Amino acid sequence: MLALVLVLLLALLLFGAGFAIKVLWWIAVAVFVVWLLGFIARGTTAGGSRGRWYR
């Protein structure tokens, strides 16, 4: 019985970790898209002086 409970807890833990990692991937993709859009929009601004590339 104890082994069954341990296996179920391990499965629950791995499922939770997998879900969290998947959510973190989607957050990372969203942040990258926002950064890329900001980088592109900054490149199209008028004016001769450009700021640092990483802003």
Protein backbone atom coordinates (compact mmCIF):
# COMPACT_ATOMS: atom_id res chain seq x y z
CA MET A 1 0.00 0.00 0.00
CA LEU A 2 2.82 2.40 0.86
CA ALA A 3 4.51 1.68 -2.47
CA LEU A 4 1.30 2.51 -4.32
CA VAL A 5 0.96 5.82 -2.47
CA LEU A 6 4.60 6.68 -3.22
CA VAL A 7 4.15 5.88 -6.91
CA LEU A 8 1.01 8.03 -7.07
CA LEU A 9 2.77 10.90 -5.31
CA LEU A 10 5.69 10.63 -7.71
CA ALA A 11 3.34 10.64 -10.70
CA LEU A 12 1.54 13.69 -9.32
CA LEU A 13 4.84 15.47 -8.72
CA LEU A 14 6.10 14.73 -12.24
CA PHE A 15 2.81 15.82 -13.78
CA GLY A 16 2.94 19.09 -11.83
CA ALA A 17 6.54 19.71 -12.84
CA GLY A 18 5.77 18.99 -16.48
CA PHE A 19 2.81 21.36 -16.44
CA ALA A 20 4.88 24.10 -14.76
CA ILE A 21 7.67 23.71 -17.29
CA LYS A 22 5.18 23.90 -20.16
CA VAL A 23 3.66 27.09 -18.70
CA LEU A 24 7.14 28.58 -18.27
CA TRP A 25 7.90 27.85 -21.93
CA TRP A 26 4.75 29.70 -23.03
CA ILE A 27 5.67 32.65 -20.78
CA ALA A 28 9.19 32.69 -22.24
CA VAL A 29 7.81 32.68 -25.79
CA ALA A 30 5.41 35.55 -24.96
CA VAL A 31 8.22 37.62 -23.40
CA PHE A 32 10.42 36.97 -26.44
CA VAL A 33 7.68 38.10 -28.83
CA VAL A 34 7.10 41.29 -26.83
CA TRP A 35 10.85 41.98 -26.76
CA LEU A 36 11.12 41.34 -30.50
CA LEU A 37 8.21 43.67 -31.26
CA GLY A 38 9.77 46.36 -29.08
CA PHE A 39 13.10 45.90 -30.81
CA ILE A 40 11.51 46.22 -34.25
CA ALA A 41 9.37 49.21 -33.24
CA ARG A 42 12.38 50.98 -31.77
CA GLY A 43 14.28 50.53 -35.03
CA THR A 44 11.58 52.36 -36.99
CA THR A 45 11.52 55.51 -34.86
CA ALA A 46 12.43 58.80 -36.50
CA GLY A 47 15.53 60.62 -35.45
CA GLY A 48 19.23 60.36 -36.02
CA SER A 49 20.37 59.32 -32.57
CA ARG A 50 19.64 55.75 -31.66
CA GLY A 51 19.82 54.35 -28.17
CA ARG A 52 21.48 51.21 -27.04
CA TRP A 53 20.42 48.12 -28.96
CA TYR A 54 19.43 46.15 -25.86
CA ARG A 55 16.81 48.60 -24.61
